[in-house]
């Protein structure tokens, strides 16, 4: 990953965290998560969210391989949270992708 792409990814995580905070969510950013969720979002009366943020232009799953998807699904299940992928490429708006739209994970 290039330094520019890494900086853009970090900024996207921060921007998404700020958007959620504006909507009343309490958000924790797990910097350098390497497979865990990038953001943990909590809101009274709402199901917790574990969010992976991707900003690659190659597609939402280019940097989100099956092992990482499986790990997020398992971690979210253990925590009683909703797993989400938010894909936010350059010059675009964030797209929230629920797990039922993720590619199948082969065992």
N, C-alpha and C. Protein backbone atom coordinates (compact mmCIF):
# COMPACT_ATOMS: atom_id res chain seq x y z
N UNK A 1 0.85 -1.17 0.00
CA UNK A 1 0.00 0.00 0.00
C UNK A 1 0.90 1.23 0.00
N UNK A 2 0.58 2.18 -0.88
CA UNK A 2 1.38 3.40 -0.94
C UNK A 2 1.08 4.28 0.26
N UNK A 3 2.01 5.16 0.55
CA UNK A 3 1.84 6.08 1.69
C UNK A 3 0.59 6.94 1.49
N UNK A 4 0.35 7.40 0.24
CA UNK A 4 -0.83 8.22 -0.04
C UNK A 4 -2.12 7.46 0.23
N UNK A 5 -2.17 6.20 -0.18
CA UNK A 5 -3.36 5.38 0.05
C UNK A 5 -3.56 5.14 1.54
N UNK A 6 -2.47 4.93 2.25
CA UNK A 6 -2.56 4.71 3.69
C UNK A 6 -3.09 5.96 4.40
N UNK A 7 -2.58 7.12 4.01
CA UNK A 7 -3.05 8.37 4.61
C UNK A 7 -4.52 8.59 4.28
N UNK A 8 -4.93 8.32 3.03
CA UNK A 8 -6.34 8.47 2.64
C UNK A 8 -7.21 7.53 3.46
N UNK A 9 -6.76 6.30 3.67
CA UNK A 9 -7.54 5.34 4.46
C UNK A 9 -7.73 5.81 5.89
N UNK A 10 -6.68 6.32 6.49
CA UNK A 10 -6.77 6.83 7.87
C UNK A 10 -7.73 8.01 7.92
N UNK A 11 -7.64 8.89 6.92
CA UNK A 11 -8.54 10.05 6.90
C UNK A 11 -9.99 9.62 6.71
N UNK A 12 -10.22 8.60 5.89
CA UNK A 12 -11.59 8.10 5.71
C UNK A 12 -12.14 7.56 7.03
N UNK A 13 -11.32 6.83 7.79
CA UNK A 13 -11.75 6.32 9.09
C UNK A 13 -12.14 7.49 10.00
N UNK A 14 -11.31 8.51 10.04
CA UNK A 14 -11.59 9.68 10.88
C UNK A 14 -12.84 10.40 10.43
N UNK A 15 -12.99 10.57 9.11
CA UNK A 15 -14.17 11.26 8.58
C UNK A 15 -15.45 10.49 8.90
N UNK A 16 -15.40 9.16 8.73
CA UNK A 16 -16.59 8.36 9.04
C UNK A 16 -16.90 8.41 10.53
N UNK A 17 -15.87 8.34 11.37
CA UNK A 17 -16.08 8.45 12.81
C UNK A 17 -16.76 9.78 13.15
N UNK A 18 -16.31 10.85 12.54
CA UNK A 18 -16.91 12.16 12.79
C UNK A 18 -18.35 12.23 12.32
N UNK A 19 -18.65 11.63 11.17
CA UNK A 19 -20.04 11.60 10.68
C UNK A 19 -20.93 10.86 11.67
N UNK A 20 -20.47 9.72 12.15
CA UNK A 20 -21.26 8.94 13.11
C UNK A 20 -21.45 9.73 14.41
N UNK A 21 -20.41 10.40 14.86
CA UNK A 21 -20.53 11.21 16.09
C UNK A 21 -21.56 12.31 15.91
N UNK A 22 -21.62 12.91 14.73
CA UNK A 22 -22.63 13.94 14.45
C UNK A 22 -24.05 13.37 14.51
N UNK A 23 -24.17 12.07 14.28
CA UNK A 23 -25.47 11.38 14.35
C UNK A 23 -25.75 10.84 15.74
N UNK A 24 -24.88 11.15 16.72
CA UNK A 24 -25.11 10.76 18.10
C UNK A 24 -24.45 9.46 18.53
N UNK A 25 -23.62 8.89 17.69
CA UNK A 25 -22.91 7.66 18.03
C UNK A 25 -21.67 7.97 18.86
N UNK A 26 -21.32 7.08 19.78
CA UNK A 26 -20.03 7.10 20.46
C UNK A 26 -19.14 6.19 19.64
N UNK A 27 -17.99 6.71 19.18
CA UNK A 27 -17.15 5.96 18.24
C UNK A 27 -15.73 5.85 18.78
N UNK A 28 -15.21 4.63 18.72
CA UNK A 28 -13.81 4.36 19.04
C UNK A 28 -13.12 3.94 17.76
N UNK A 29 -11.96 4.51 17.51
CA UNK A 29 -11.17 4.14 16.34
C UNK A 29 -10.04 3.24 16.79
N UNK A 30 -9.96 2.07 16.20
CA UNK A 30 -8.93 1.09 16.54
C UNK A 30 -7.80 1.21 15.52
N UNK A 31 -6.94 2.19 15.70
CA UNK A 31 -5.86 2.45 14.74
C UNK A 31 -4.95 1.23 14.62
N UNK A 32 -4.60 0.92 13.38
CA UNK A 32 -3.70 -0.21 13.13
C UNK A 32 -4.31 -1.54 13.49
N UNK A 33 -5.60 -1.69 13.22
CA UNK A 33 -6.33 -2.88 13.68
C UNK A 33 -5.90 -4.17 13.00
N UNK A 34 -5.44 -4.12 11.75
CA UNK A 34 -4.95 -5.30 11.03
C UNK A 34 -5.88 -6.51 11.13
N UNK A 35 -7.11 -6.34 10.67
CA UNK A 35 -8.04 -7.45 10.64
C UNK A 35 -9.22 -7.28 11.58
N UNK A 36 -9.02 -6.57 12.66
CA UNK A 36 -10.14 -6.23 13.53
C UNK A 36 -10.87 -5.06 12.91
N UNK A 37 -11.98 -4.66 13.49
CA UNK A 37 -12.73 -3.52 12.98
C UNK A 37 -11.93 -2.24 13.14
N UNK A 38 -12.08 -1.33 12.18
CA UNK A 38 -11.43 -0.03 12.27
C UNK A 38 -12.15 0.87 13.26
N UNK A 39 -13.49 0.75 13.29
CA UNK A 39 -14.29 1.58 14.17
C UNK A 39 -15.28 0.73 14.96
N UNK A 40 -15.51 1.10 16.20
CA UNK A 40 -16.54 0.51 17.03
C UNK A 40 -17.51 1.65 17.33
N UNK A 41 -18.78 1.48 16.99
CA UNK A 41 -19.77 2.54 17.16
C UNK A 41 -20.89 2.07 18.08
N UNK A 42 -21.20 2.89 19.08
CA UNK A 42 -22.23 2.58 20.07
C UNK A 42 -23.23 3.73 20.14
N UNK A 43 -24.51 3.37 20.30
CA UNK A 43 -25.57 4.38 20.38
C UNK A 43 -26.70 3.80 21.21
N UNK A 44 -27.21 4.57 22.15
CA UNK A 44 -28.31 4.10 22.99
C UNK A 44 -29.48 3.69 22.09
N UNK A 45 -30.00 2.50 22.35
CA UNK A 45 -31.16 2.00 21.61
C UNK A 45 -30.85 1.44 20.24
N UNK A 46 -29.58 1.38 19.86
CA UNK A 46 -29.18 0.84 18.56
C UNK A 46 -28.20 -0.30 18.77
N UNK A 47 -28.19 -1.22 17.84
CA UNK A 47 -27.24 -2.33 17.92
C UNK A 47 -25.82 -1.80 17.66
N UNK A 48 -24.85 -2.22 18.47
CA UNK A 48 -23.47 -1.79 18.25
C UNK A 48 -22.99 -2.19 16.85
N UNK A 49 -22.05 -1.43 16.35
CA UNK A 49 -21.50 -1.71 15.02
C UNK A 49 -19.98 -1.86 15.10
N UNK A 50 -19.47 -2.85 14.38
CA UNK A 50 -18.04 -3.01 14.16
C UNK A 50 -17.83 -2.77 12.68
N UNK A 51 -17.04 -1.76 12.36
CA UNK A 51 -16.96 -1.26 10.99
C UNK A 51 -15.53 -1.35 10.45
N UNK A 52 -15.42 -1.95 9.28
CA UNK A 52 -14.16 -1.97 8.54
C UNK A 52 -14.30 -0.92 7.44
N UNK A 53 -13.33 -0.02 7.31
CA UNK A 53 -13.37 1.06 6.32
C UNK A 53 -12.31 0.79 5.26
N UNK A 54 -12.72 0.81 4.01
CA UNK A 54 -11.80 0.61 2.89
C UNK A 54 -11.94 1.77 1.91
N UNK A 55 -10.80 2.24 1.38
CA UNK A 55 -10.85 3.37 0.45
C UNK A 55 -10.19 3.04 -0.89
N UNK A 56 -9.89 1.79 -1.13
CA UNK A 56 -9.23 1.39 -2.37
C UNK A 56 -10.13 1.62 -3.59
N UNK A 57 -9.52 2.00 -4.68
CA UNK A 57 -10.29 2.18 -5.92
C UNK A 57 -10.48 0.86 -6.66
N UNK A 58 -9.78 -0.19 -6.22
CA UNK A 58 -9.85 -1.51 -6.88
C UNK A 58 -11.11 -2.29 -6.52
N UNK A 59 -11.94 -1.75 -5.67
CA UNK A 59 -13.16 -2.44 -5.27
C UNK A 59 -13.20 -2.64 -3.78
N UNK A 60 -14.39 -2.84 -3.23
CA UNK A 60 -14.54 -2.90 -1.78
C UNK A 60 -13.84 -4.08 -1.12
N UNK A 61 -13.62 -5.16 -1.85
CA UNK A 61 -13.07 -6.36 -1.22
C UNK A 61 -11.60 -6.59 -1.58
N UNK A 62 -11.00 -5.67 -2.35
CA UNK A 62 -9.60 -5.82 -2.75
C UNK A 62 -8.67 -5.87 -1.54
N UNK A 63 -8.97 -5.10 -0.52
CA UNK A 63 -8.15 -5.10 0.68
C UNK A 63 -8.84 -5.71 1.87
N UNK A 64 -9.87 -6.50 1.60
CA UNK A 64 -10.68 -7.12 2.67
C UNK A 64 -10.85 -8.60 2.34
N UNK A 65 -9.75 -9.38 2.48
CA UNK A 65 -9.76 -10.78 2.07
C UNK A 65 -10.66 -11.66 2.96
N UNK A 66 -10.92 -12.88 2.51
CA UNK A 66 -11.81 -13.78 3.25
C UNK A 66 -11.44 -13.95 4.73
N UNK A 67 -10.17 -14.08 5.05
CA UNK A 67 -9.78 -14.28 6.45
C UNK A 67 -10.17 -13.07 7.30
N UNK A 68 -10.01 -11.86 6.75
CA UNK A 68 -10.39 -10.65 7.49
C UNK A 68 -11.91 -10.56 7.63
N UNK A 69 -12.63 -10.94 6.58
CA UNK A 69 -14.10 -10.92 6.65
C UNK A 69 -14.58 -11.91 7.70
N UNK A 70 -14.01 -13.10 7.70
CA UNK A 70 -14.39 -14.13 8.68
C UNK A 70 -14.11 -13.63 10.10
N UNK A 71 -12.95 -13.01 10.28
CA UNK A 71 -12.57 -12.52 11.61
C UNK A 71 -13.53 -11.43 12.09
N UNK A 72 -13.90 -10.51 11.20
CA UNK A 72 -14.85 -9.47 11.59
C UNK A 72 -16.22 -10.07 11.92
N UNK A 73 -16.67 -11.01 11.12
CA UNK A 73 -17.95 -11.67 11.40
C UNK A 73 -17.93 -12.36 12.76
N UNK A 74 -16.86 -13.08 13.05
CA UNK A 74 -16.75 -13.79 14.33
C UNK A 74 -16.65 -12.82 15.50
N UNK A 75 -15.85 -11.77 15.35
CA UNK A 75 -15.70 -10.78 16.43
C UNK A 75 -17.00 -10.05 16.70
N UNK A 76 -17.70 -9.66 15.65
CA UNK A 76 -18.97 -8.96 15.81
C UNK A 76 -20.00 -9.87 16.48
N UNK A 77 -20.03 -11.12 16.09
CA UNK A 77 -20.95 -12.07 16.71
C UNK A 77 -20.66 -12.21 18.20
N UNK A 78 -19.39 -12.33 18.54
CA UNK A 78 -18.98 -12.46 19.94
C UNK A 78 -19.37 -11.22 20.74
N UNK A 79 -19.31 -10.04 20.11
CA UNK A 79 -19.60 -8.79 20.80
C UNK A 79 -21.07 -8.39 20.74
N UNK A 80 -21.87 -9.14 19.99
CA UNK A 80 -23.28 -8.76 19.84
C UNK A 80 -23.44 -7.51 19.00
N UNK A 81 -22.56 -7.36 18.00
CA UNK A 81 -22.54 -6.17 17.16
C UNK A 81 -22.85 -6.52 15.71
N UNK A 82 -23.22 -5.50 14.94
CA UNK A 82 -23.41 -5.66 13.50
C UNK A 82 -22.06 -5.43 12.81
N UNK A 83 -21.64 -6.35 11.95
CA UNK A 83 -20.42 -6.11 11.17
C UNK A 83 -20.78 -5.34 9.90
N UNK A 84 -19.97 -4.36 9.55
CA UNK A 84 -20.19 -3.56 8.35
C UNK A 84 -18.87 -3.33 7.63
N UNK A 85 -18.95 -3.27 6.32
CA UNK A 85 -17.86 -2.78 5.50
C UNK A 85 -18.34 -1.45 4.93
N UNK A 86 -17.54 -0.41 5.12
CA UNK A 86 -17.83 0.87 4.49
C UNK A 86 -16.74 1.12 3.47
N UNK A 87 -17.13 1.12 2.20
CA UNK A 87 -16.20 1.35 1.11
C UNK A 87 -16.35 2.80 0.66
N UNK A 88 -15.24 3.54 0.72
CA UNK A 88 -15.26 4.97 0.44
C UNK A 88 -14.07 5.34 -0.43
N UNK A 89 -14.16 5.02 -1.73
CA UNK A 89 -13.04 5.33 -2.63
C UNK A 89 -12.94 6.84 -2.91
N UNK A 90 -11.83 7.21 -3.49
CA UNK A 90 -11.55 8.59 -3.85
C UNK A 90 -12.67 9.18 -4.71
N UNK A 91 -13.03 10.41 -4.44
CA UNK A 91 -14.06 11.15 -5.19
C UNK A 91 -15.40 10.42 -5.22
N UNK A 92 -15.77 9.83 -4.12
CA UNK A 92 -17.02 9.09 -4.03
C UNK A 92 -17.62 9.29 -2.65
N UNK A 93 -18.83 8.77 -2.46
CA UNK A 93 -19.47 8.80 -1.16
C UNK A 93 -19.32 7.44 -0.51
N UNK A 94 -19.39 7.40 0.82
CA UNK A 94 -19.26 6.09 1.50
C UNK A 94 -20.44 5.17 1.16
N UNK A 95 -20.11 3.91 0.94
CA UNK A 95 -21.13 2.89 0.68
C UNK A 95 -21.09 1.88 1.81
N UNK A 96 -22.21 1.74 2.52
CA UNK A 96 -22.32 0.78 3.62
C UNK A 96 -22.72 -0.56 3.03
N UNK A 97 -21.87 -1.56 3.23
CA UNK A 97 -22.11 -2.89 2.65
C UNK A 97 -22.30 -3.90 3.78
N UNK A 98 -23.53 -4.43 3.92
CA UNK A 98 -23.79 -5.41 4.98
C UNK A 98 -23.21 -6.77 4.61
N UNK A 99 -23.00 -7.62 5.61
CA UNK A 99 -22.36 -8.92 5.36
C UNK A 99 -23.08 -9.81 4.37
N UNK A 100 -24.40 -9.67 4.24
CA UNK A 100 -25.10 -10.53 3.28
C UNK A 100 -24.78 -10.16 1.83
N UNK A 101 -24.05 -9.04 1.62
CA UNK A 101 -23.63 -8.65 0.28
C UNK A 101 -22.13 -8.90 0.06
N UNK A 102 -21.45 -9.47 1.06
CA UNK A 102 -20.04 -9.80 0.92
C UNK A 102 -19.89 -11.10 0.14
N UNK A 103 -18.77 -11.28 -0.55
CA UNK A 103 -18.53 -12.56 -1.23
C UNK A 103 -18.52 -13.71 -0.21
N UNK A 104 -18.97 -14.85 -0.66
CA UNK A 104 -18.99 -16.03 0.22
C UNK A 104 -17.57 -16.37 0.66
N UNK A 105 -17.48 -16.85 1.89
CA UNK A 105 -16.20 -17.27 2.45
C UNK A 105 -16.15 -18.79 2.39
N UNK A 106 -15.18 -19.31 1.64
CA UNK A 106 -15.06 -20.77 1.53
C UNK A 106 -14.39 -21.31 2.78
N UNK A 107 -14.83 -22.49 3.23
CA UNK A 107 -14.23 -23.07 4.43
C UNK A 107 -12.93 -23.76 4.15
